[in-house]
Every structure is written in structure tokens, then in C-alpha cells.
Amino acid sequence: MVAYTGVEKRPEHEGRQVIWKIAARRSTYQKLRKRSVLYKARRKIEKAEAQVRVKVEHLFRVIKRQFGYVKTGFRGWPRTPHSG
């Protein structure tokens, strides 16, 4: 299951038998040398996971926009910036 950092610590997920696919932090790469086999393998795995995550999140954005879940600005109210 694709998730974000810290999801395994949340109380609503206690006791679940799930393998979380969480994006690695930048610090995990800084510990490795760029020419090492482990570094290259981790980068390939992260790239594959990121490509899946992008495809899924884009679909959710499209569906939400079709059903009208968009940040709107009203007359006299400042419009909130879109967080991409």
C-alpha cells in the first residue's frame, strides 16, 4: 500500500498487517555513495514507486475536480493558493 511518512504510527492503523510503500527520505541517500550498487537500486525502486503514486494521485485530482471539490474564492475574500 502506498502511503506517506508516519502512517504506520497512526492509531487507526494499529494491528493492520500491511506492507507500507513509503517514499525514502533524502537522508537515506546521503548516507550512501552515489556509485554504490545499493544507492542505484534504491533510486530505481523509489522512481518506480513515485511513478505509481503520480498516476494514482492525478486520477483522484481529476475526479475531485469533476465533482466540484475545488478551492474557490468569493467576492471580498482572499483566494487561497493552489498547493499543486
PDB file of N, CA and C in Angstrom:
ATOM      1  N   MET A   1       0.848  -1.172   0.000  1.00  0.00           N
ATOM      2  CA  MET A   1       0.000   0.000   0.000  1.00  0.00           C
ATOM      3  C   MET A   1       0.896   1.239   0.000  1.00  0.00           C
ATOM      4  N   VAL A   2       0.607   2.162  -0.868  1.00  0.00           N
ATOM      5  CA  VAL A   2       1.383   3.390  -0.962  1.00  0.00           C
ATOM      6  C   VAL A   2       0.908   4.349   0.118  1.00  0.00           C
ATOM      7  N   ALA A   3       1.853   4.937   0.834  1.00  0.00           N
ATOM      8  CA  ALA A   3       1.494   5.825   1.935  1.00  0.00           C
ATOM      9  C   ALA A   3       2.587   6.869   2.125  1.00  0.00           C
ATOM     10  N   TYR A   4       2.421   7.672   3.156  1.00  0.00           N
ATOM     11  CA  TYR A   4       3.365   8.724   3.457  1.00  0.00           C
ATOM     12  C   TYR A   4       4.010   8.503   4.820  1.00  0.00           C
ATOM     13  N   THR A   5       5.085   9.203   5.079  1.00  0.00           N
ATOM     14  CA  THR A   5       5.871   9.032   6.281  1.00  0.00           C
ATOM     15  C   THR A   5       5.018   9.169   7.538  1.00  0.00           C
ATOM     16  N   GLY A   6       5.177   8.216   8.458  1.00  0.00           N
ATOM     17  CA  GLY A   6       4.483   8.265   9.734  1.00  0.00           C
ATOM     18  C   GLY A   6       3.134   7.576   9.759  1.00  0.00           C
ATOM     19  N   VAL A   7       2.692   7.018   8.655  1.00  0.00           N
ATOM     20  CA  VAL A   7       1.360   6.407   8.619  1.00  0.00           C
ATOM     21  C   VAL A   7       1.284   5.178   9.512  1.00  0.00           C
ATOM     22  N   GLU A   8       2.385   4.441   9.668  1.00  0.00           N
ATOM     23  CA  GLU A   8       2.349   3.236  10.499  1.00  0.00           C
ATOM     24  C   GLU A   8       2.219   3.553  11.975  1.00  0.00           C
ATOM     25  N   LYS A   9       2.456   4.786  12.384  1.00  0.00           N
ATOM     26  CA  LYS A   9       2.352   5.192  13.787  1.00  0.00           C
ATOM     27  C   LYS A   9       0.949   5.672  14.169  1.00  0.00           C
ATOM     28  N   ARG A  10       0.090   5.876  13.212  1.00  0.00           N
ATOM     29  CA  ARG A  10      -1.247   6.383  13.496  1.00  0.00           C
ATOM     30  C   ARG A  10      -2.086   5.333  14.223  1.00  0.00           C
ATOM     31  N   PRO A  11      -2.904   5.774  15.198  1.00  0.00           N
ATOM     32  CA  PRO A  11      -3.695   4.813  15.989  1.00  0.00           C
ATOM     33  C   PRO A  11      -4.716   4.043  15.164  1.00  0.00           C
ATOM     34  N   GLU A  12      -5.256   4.620  14.114  1.00  0.00           N
ATOM     35  CA  GLU A  12      -6.269   3.914  13.328  1.00  0.00           C
ATOM     36  C   GLU A  12      -5.688   2.765  12.502  1.00  0.00           C
ATOM     37  N   HIS A  13      -4.344   2.700  12.400  1.00  0.00           N
ATOM     38  CA  HIS A  13      -3.715   1.629  11.635  1.00  0.00           C
ATOM     39  C   HIS A  13      -3.027   0.592  12.524  1.00  0.00           C
ATOM     40  N   GLU A  14      -3.262   0.645  13.827  1.00  0.00           N
ATOM     41  CA  GLU A  14      -2.662  -0.331  14.736  1.00  0.00           C
ATOM     42  C   GLU A  14      -3.236  -1.713  14.468  1.00  0.00           C
ATOM     43  N   GLY A  15      -2.375  -2.711  14.454  1.00  0.00           N
ATOM     44  CA  GLY A  15      -2.814  -4.082  14.273  1.00  0.00           C
ATOM     45  C   GLY A  15      -3.051  -4.493  12.838  1.00  0.00           C
ATOM     46  N   ARG A  16      -2.900  -3.597  11.879  1.00  0.00           N
ATOM     47  CA  ARG A  16      -3.107  -3.936  10.469  1.00  0.00           C
ATOM     48  C   ARG A  16      -1.864  -4.615   9.919  1.00  0.00           C
ATOM     49  N   GLN A  17      -2.054  -5.660   9.157  1.00  0.00           N
ATOM     50  CA  GLN A  17      -0.949  -6.377   8.534  1.00  0.00           C
ATOM     51  C   GLN A  17      -0.773  -5.843   7.114  1.00  0.00           C
ATOM     52  N   VAL A  18      -0.097  -4.704   7.005  1.00  0.00           N
ATOM     53  CA  VAL A  18       0.080  -4.032   5.725  1.00  0.00           C
ATOM     54  C   VAL A  18       1.559  -3.764   5.511  1.00  0.00           C
ATOM     55  N   ILE A  19       2.019  -3.927   4.285  1.00  0.00           N
ATOM     56  CA  ILE A  19       3.382  -3.535   3.934  1.00  0.00           C
ATOM     57  C   ILE A  19       3.271  -2.145   3.313  1.00  0.00           C
ATOM     58  N   TRP A  20       3.780  -1.152   4.018  1.00  0.00           N
ATOM     59  CA  TRP A  20       3.674   0.228   3.561  1.00  0.00           C
ATOM     60  C   TRP A  20       4.790   0.540   2.576  1.00  0.00           C
ATOM     61  N   LYS A  21       4.468   1.178   1.465  1.00  0.00           N
ATOM     62  CA  LYS A  21       5.442   1.619   0.471  1.00  0.00           C
ATOM     63  C   LYS A  21       5.604   3.127   0.640  1.00  0.00           C
ATOM     64  N   ILE A  22       6.523   3.514   1.514  1.00  0.00           N
ATOM     65  CA  ILE A  22       6.700   4.919   1.853  1.00  0.00           C
ATOM     66  C   ILE A  22       7.954   5.441   1.171  1.00  0.00           C
ATOM     67  N   ALA A  23       7.856   6.620   0.599  1.00  0.00           N
ATOM     68  CA  ALA A  23       8.998   7.225  -0.079  1.00  0.00           C
ATOM     69  C   ALA A  23      10.133   7.458   0.907  1.00  0.00           C
ATOM     70  N   ALA A  24      11.344   7.151   0.467  1.00  0.00           N
ATOM     71  CA  ALA A  24      12.511   7.308   1.336  1.00  0.00           C
ATOM     72  C   ALA A  24      12.853   8.779   1.503  1.00  0.00           C
ATOM     73  N   ARG A  25      13.385   9.094   2.662  1.00  0.00           N
ATOM     74  CA  ARG A  25      13.813  10.465   2.916  1.00  0.00           C
ATOM     75  C   ARG A  25      15.157  10.713   2.259  1.00  0.00           C
ATOM     76  N   ARG A  26      15.453  11.953   2.054  1.00  0.00           N
ATOM     77  CA  ARG A  26      16.700  12.324   1.409  1.00  0.00           C
ATOM     78  C   ARG A  26      17.914  11.868   2.220  1.00  0.00           C
ATOM     79  N   SER A  27      17.786  11.817   3.541  1.00  0.00           N
ATOM     80  CA  SER A  27      18.914  11.445   4.401  1.00  0.00           C
ATOM     81  C   SER A  27      19.363  10.004   4.151  1.00  0.00           C
ATOM     82  N   THR A  28      18.455   9.118   3.700  1.00  0.00           N
ATOM     83  CA  THR A  28      18.861   7.741   3.433  1.00  0.00           C
ATOM     84  C   THR A  28      19.811   7.667   2.244  1.00  0.00           C
ATOM     85  N   TYR A  29      19.686   8.589   1.313  1.00  0.00           N
ATOM     86  CA  TYR A  29      20.575   8.609   0.156  1.00  0.00           C
ATOM     87  C   TYR A  29      21.903   9.286   0.484  1.00  0.00           C
ATOM     88  N   GLN A  30      21.876  10.235   1.384  1.00  0.00           N
ATOM     89  CA  GLN A  30      23.104  10.937   1.727  1.00  0.00           C
ATOM     90  C   GLN A  30      24.090  10.020   2.438  1.00  0.00           C
ATOM     91  N   LYS A  31      23.592   8.954   3.066  1.00  0.00           N
ATOM     92  CA  LYS A  31      24.470   8.013   3.755  1.00  0.00           C
ATOM     93  C   LYS A  31      25.211   7.104   2.781  1.00  0.00           C
ATOM     94  N   LEU A  32      24.674   6.937   1.581  1.00  0.00           N
ATOM     95  CA  LEU A  32      25.259   6.033   0.598  1.00  0.00           C
ATOM     96  C   LEU A  32      26.118   6.786  -0.409  1.00  0.00           C
ATOM     97  N   ARG A  33      27.075   6.063  -0.979  1.00  0.00           N
ATOM     98  CA  ARG A  33      27.871   6.665  -2.048  1.00  0.00           C
ATOM     99  C   ARG A  33      27.090   6.565  -3.353  1.00  0.00           C
ATOM    100  N   LYS A  34      27.202   7.561  -4.202  1.00  0.00           N
ATOM    101  CA  LYS A  34      26.413   7.611  -5.429  1.00  0.00           C
ATOM    102  C   LYS A  34      26.762   6.506  -6.420  1.00  0.00           C
ATOM    103  N   ARG A  35      27.959   5.983  -6.336  1.00  0.00           N
ATOM    104  CA  ARG A  35      28.359   4.927  -7.270  1.00  0.00           C
ATOM    105  C   ARG A  35      28.073   3.520  -6.733  1.00  0.00           C
ATOM    106  N   SER A  36      27.574   3.419  -5.526  1.00  0.00           N
ATOM    107  CA  SER A  36      27.335   2.097  -4.942  1.00  0.00           C
ATOM    108  C   SER A  36      26.114   1.439  -5.578  1.00  0.00           C
ATOM    109  N   VAL A  37      26.107   0.123  -5.564  1.00  0.00           N
ATOM    110  CA  VAL A  37      25.015  -0.657  -6.138  1.00  0.00           C
ATOM    111  C   VAL A  37      23.736  -0.443  -5.331  1.00  0.00           C
ATOM    112  N   LEU A  38      23.856  -0.358  -4.026  1.00  0.00           N
ATOM    113  CA  LEU A  38      22.697  -0.148  -3.163  1.00  0.00           C
ATOM    114  C   LEU A  38      22.021   1.190  -3.459  1.00  0.00           C
ATOM    115  N   TYR A  39      22.818   2.232  -3.670  1.00  0.00           N
ATOM    116  CA  TYR A  39      22.272   3.547  -3.999  1.00  0.00           C
ATOM    117  C   TYR A  39      21.470   3.486  -5.292  1.00  0.00           C
ATOM    118  N   LYS A  40      22.051   2.874  -6.312  1.00  0.00           N
ATOM    119  CA  LYS A  40      21.377   2.800  -7.615  1.00  0.00           C
ATOM    120  C   LYS A  40      20.101   1.969  -7.536  1.00  0.00           C
ATOM    121  N   ALA A  41      20.148   0.874  -6.770  1.00  0.00           N
ATOM    122  CA  ALA A  41      18.956   0.034  -6.632  1.00  0.00           C
ATOM    123  C   ALA A  41      17.844   0.779  -5.910  1.00  0.00           C
ATOM    124  N   ARG A  42      18.194   1.476  -4.832  1.00  0.00           N
ATOM    125  CA  ARG A  42      17.184   2.252  -4.092  1.00  0.00           C
ATOM    126  C   ARG A  42      16.572   3.332  -4.966  1.00  0.00           C
ATOM    127  N   ARG A  43      17.378   3.996  -5.757  1.00  0.00           N
ATOM    128  CA  ARG A  43      16.865   5.051  -6.637  1.00  0.00           C
ATOM    129  C   ARG A  43      15.882   4.487  -7.652  1.00  0.00           C
ATOM    130  N   LYS A  44      16.174   3.309  -8.207  1.00  0.00           N
ATOM    131  CA  LYS A  44      15.265   2.701  -9.174  1.00  0.00           C
ATOM    132  C   LYS A  44      13.942   2.319  -8.522  1.00  0.00           C
ATOM    133  N   ILE A  45      14.022   1.762  -7.314  1.00  0.00           N
ATOM    134  CA  ILE A  45      12.801   1.389  -6.592  1.00  0.00           C
ATOM    135  C   ILE A  45      11.965   2.622  -6.269  1.00  0.00           C
ATOM    136  N   GLU A  46      12.612   3.670  -5.794  1.00  0.00           N
ATOM    137  CA  GLU A  46      11.902   4.914  -5.465  1.00  0.00           C
ATOM    138  C   GLU A  46      11.254   5.538  -6.698  1.00  0.00           C
ATOM    139  N   LYS A  47      11.955   5.476  -7.817  1.00  0.00           N
ATOM    140  CA  LYS A  47      11.400   6.044  -9.051  1.00  0.00           C
ATOM    141  C   LYS A  47      10.154   5.270  -9.479  1.00  0.00           C
ATOM    142  N   ALA A  48      10.198   3.950  -9.383  1.00  0.00           N
ATOM    143  CA  ALA A  48       9.042   3.132  -9.750  1.00  0.00           C
ATOM    144  C   ALA A  48       7.853   3.431  -8.839  1.00  0.00           C
ATOM    145  N   GLU A  49       8.097   3.540  -7.544  1.00  0.00           N
ATOM    146  CA  GLU A  49       7.009   3.851  -6.603  1.00  0.00           C
ATOM    147  C   GLU A  49       6.446   5.243  -6.856  1.00  0.00           C
ATOM    148  N   ALA A  50       7.315   6.190  -7.161  1.00  0.00           N
ATOM    149  CA  ALA A  50       6.857   7.557  -7.412  1.00  0.00           C
ATOM    150  C   ALA A  50       6.002   7.624  -8.670  1.00  0.00           C
ATOM    151  N   GLN A  51       6.349   6.835  -9.676  1.00  0.00           N
ATOM    152  CA  GLN A  51       5.559   6.833 -10.910  1.00  0.00           C
ATOM    153  C   GLN A  51       4.157   6.291 -10.657  1.00  0.00           C
ATOM    154  N   VAL A  52       4.034   5.272  -9.829  1.00  0.00           N
ATOM    155  CA  VAL A  52       2.715   4.739  -9.481  1.00  0.00           C
ATOM    156  C   VAL A  52       1.931   5.776  -8.692  1.00  0.00           C
ATOM    157  N   ARG A  53       2.595   6.400  -7.716  1.00  0.00           N
ATOM    158  CA  ARG A  53       1.940   7.393  -6.864  1.00  0.00           C
ATOM    159  C   ARG A  53       1.409   8.557  -7.693  1.00  0.00           C
ATOM    160  N   VAL A  54       2.176   9.011  -8.664  1.00  0.00           N
ATOM    161  CA  VAL A  54       1.759  10.135  -9.501  1.00  0.00           C
ATOM    162  C   VAL A  54       0.519   9.781 -10.302  1.00  0.00           C
ATOM    163  N   LYS A  55       0.488   8.589 -10.867  1.00  0.00           N
ATOM    164  CA  LYS A  55      -0.663   8.181 -11.675  1.00  0.00           C
ATOM    165  C   LYS A  55      -1.931   8.109 -10.828  1.00  0.00           C
ATOM    166  N   VAL A  56      -1.823   7.575  -9.626  1.00  0.00           N
ATOM    167  CA  VAL A  56      -2.991   7.442  -8.756  1.00  0.00           C
ATOM    168  C   VAL A  56      -3.466   8.812  -8.279  1.00  0.00           C
ATOM    169  N   GLU A  57      -2.538   9.651  -7.827  1.00  0.00           N
ATOM    170  CA  GLU A  57      -2.937  10.957  -7.300  1.00  0.00           C
ATOM    171  C   GLU A  57      -3.521  11.850  -8.388  1.00  0.00           C
ATOM    172  N   HIS A  58      -3.044  11.720  -9.602  1.00  0.00           N
ATOM    173  CA  HIS A  58      -3.593  12.530 -10.688  1.00  0.00           C
ATOM    174  C   HIS A  58      -5.048  12.144 -10.943  1.00  0.00           C
ATOM    175  N   LEU A  59      -5.334  10.859 -10.933  1.00  0.00           N
ATOM    176  CA  LEU A  59      -6.721  10.422 -11.137  1.00  0.00           C
ATOM    177  C   LEU A  59      -7.647  10.955 -10.056  1.00  0.00           C
ATOM    178  N   PHE A  60      -7.195  10.921  -8.801  1.00  0.00           N
ATOM    179  CA  PHE A  60      -8.021  11.457  -7.727  1.00  0.00           C
ATOM    180  C   PHE A  60      -8.269  12.945  -7.917  1.00  0.00           C
ATOM    181  N   ARG A  61      -7.264  13.683  -8.363  1.00  0.00           N
ATOM    182  CA  ARG A  61      -7.431  15.117  -8.587  1.00  0.00           C
ATOM    183  C   ARG A  61      -8.461  15.373  -9.681  1.00  0.00           C
ATOM    184  N   VAL A  62      -8.379  14.619 -10.770  1.00  0.00           N
ATOM    185  CA  VAL A  62      -9.325  14.792 -11.875  1.00  0.00           C
ATOM    186  C   VAL A  62     -10.747  14.504 -11.410  1.00  0.00           C
ATOM    187  N   ILE A  63     -10.933  13.422 -10.686  1.00  0.00           N
ATOM    188  CA  ILE A  63     -12.273  13.065 -10.210  1.00  0.00           C
ATOM    189  C   ILE A  63     -12.808  14.118  -9.247  1.00  0.00           C
ATOM    190  N   LYS A  64     -11.961  14.587  -8.334  1.00  0.00           N
ATOM    191  CA  LYS A  64     -12.410  15.607  -7.389  1.00  0.00           C
ATOM    192  C   LYS A  64     -12.811  16.889  -8.108  1.00  0.00           C
ATOM    193  N   ARG A  65     -12.068  17.277  -9.124  1.00  0.00           N
ATOM    194  CA  ARG A  65     -12.410  18.491  -9.865  1.00  0.00           C
ATOM    195  C   ARG A  65     -13.720  18.325 -10.624  1.00  0.00           C
ATOM    196  N   GLN A  66     -13.976  17.136 -11.143  1.00  0.00           N
ATOM    197  CA  GLN A  66     -15.222  16.897 -11.871  1.00  0.00           C
ATOM    198  C   GLN A  66     -16.439  16.996 -10.956  1.00  0.00           C
ATOM    199  N   PHE A  67     -16.262  16.662  -9.694  1.00  0.00           N
ATOM    200  CA  PHE A  67     -17.369  16.738  -8.748  1.00  0.00           C
ATOM    201  C   PHE A  67     -17.406  18.050  -7.984  1.00  0.00           C
ATOM    202  N   GLY A  68     -16.564  18.998  -8.360  1.00  0.00           N
ATOM    203  CA  GLY A  68     -16.654  20.339  -7.803  1.00  0.00           C
ATOM    204  C   GLY A  68     -15.859  20.600  -6.545  1.00  0.00           C
ATOM    205  N   TYR A  69     -14.950  19.719  -6.179  1.00  0.00           N
ATOM    206  CA  TYR A  69     -14.123  19.955  -4.999  1.00  0.00           C
ATOM    207  C   TYR A  69     -12.894  20.764  -5.393  1.00  0.00           C
ATOM    208  N   VAL A  70     -13.086  22.073  -5.523  1.00  0.00           N
ATOM    209  CA  VAL A  70     -12.031  22.982  -5.947  1.00  0.00           C
ATOM    210  C   VAL A  70     -11.997  24.139  -4.962  1.00  0.00           C
ATOM    211  N   LYS A  71     -10.805  24.618  -4.666  1.00  0.00           N
ATOM    212  CA  LYS A  71     -10.711  25.800  -3.812  1.00  0.00           C
ATOM    213  C   LYS A  71     -11.241  26.991  -4.597  1.00  0.00           C
ATOM    214  N   THR A  72     -12.218  27.665  -4.033  1.00  0.00           N
ATOM    215  CA  THR A  72     -12.813  28.800  -4.739  1.00  0.00           C
ATOM    216  C   THR A  72     -12.618  30.068  -3.930  1.00  0.00           C
ATOM    217  N   GLY A  73     -12.596  31.167  -4.639  1.00  0.00           N
ATOM    218  CA  GLY A  73     -12.519  32.460  -3.976  1.00  0.00           C
ATOM    219  C   GLY A  73     -13.843  33.188  -4.143  1.00  0.00           C
ATOM    220  N   PHE A  74     -14.350  33.779  -3.082  1.00  0.00           N
ATOM    221  CA  PHE A  74     -15.590  34.516  -3.154  1.00  0.00           C
ATOM    222  C   PHE A  74     -15.290  36.005  -3.180  1.00  0.00           C
ATOM    223  N   ARG A  75     -16.243  36.781  -3.606  1.00  0.00           N
ATOM    224  CA  ARG A  75     -16.051  38.217  -3.700  1.00  0.00           C
ATOM    225  C   ARG A  75     -15.743  38.797  -2.319  1.00  0.00           C
ATOM    226  N   GLY A  76     -14.617  39.471  -2.221  1.00  0.00           N
ATOM    227  CA  GLY A  76     -14.221  40.078  -0.960  1.00  0.00           C
ATOM    228  C   GLY A  76     -13.337  39.197  -0.090  1.00  0.00           C
ATOM    229  N   TRP A  77     -13.233  37.918  -0.445  1.00  0.00           N
ATOM    230  CA  TRP A  77     -12.373  37.007   0.314  1.00  0.00           C
ATOM    231  C   TRP A  77     -11.089  36.766  -0.448  1.00  0.00           C
ATOM    232  N   PRO A  78      -9.970  36.715   0.246  1.00  0.00           N
ATOM    233  CA  PRO A  78      -8.730  36.403  -0.478  1.00  0.00           C
ATOM    234  C   PRO A  78      -8.747  34.957  -0.960  1.00  0.00           C
ATOM    235  N   ARG A  79      -8.241  34.738  -2.128  1.00  0.00           N
ATOM    236  CA  ARG A  79      -8.217  33.388  -2.675  1.00  0.00           C
ATOM    237  C   ARG A  79      -7.003  32.661  -2.156  1.00  0.00           C
ATOM    238  N   THR A  80      -7.190  31.400  -1.739  1.00  0.00           N
ATOM    239  CA  THR A  80      -6.066  30.621  -1.228  1.00  0.00           C
ATOM    240  C   THR A  80      -5.292  30.045  -2.407  1.00  0.00           C
ATOM    241  N   PRO A  81      -3.961  30.026  -2.308  1.00  0.00           N
ATOM    242  CA  PRO A  81      -3.168  29.497  -3.410  1.00  0.00           C
ATOM    243  C   PRO A  81      -3.327  27.983  -3.532  1.00  0.00           C
ATOM    244  N   HIS A  82      -3.277  27.501  -4.751  1.00  0.00           N
ATOM    245  CA  HIS A  82      -3.392  26.078  -5.003  1.00  0.00           C
ATOM    246  C   HIS A  82      -2.077  25.398  -4.651  1.00  0.00           C
ATOM    247  N   SER A  83      -2.145  24.292  -3.917  1.00  0.00           N
ATOM    248  CA  SER A  83      -0.928  23.644  -3.453  1.00  0.00           C
ATOM    249  C   SER A  83      -0.490  22.502  -4.365  1.00  0.00           C
ATOM    250  N   GLY A  84      -0.896  22.498  -5.606  1.00  0.00           N
ATOM    251  CA  GLY A  84      -0.409  21.610  -6.620  1.00  0.00           C
ATOM    252  C   GLY A  84      -0.681  20.207  -6.458  1.00  0.00           C
TER     253      GLY A  84
END
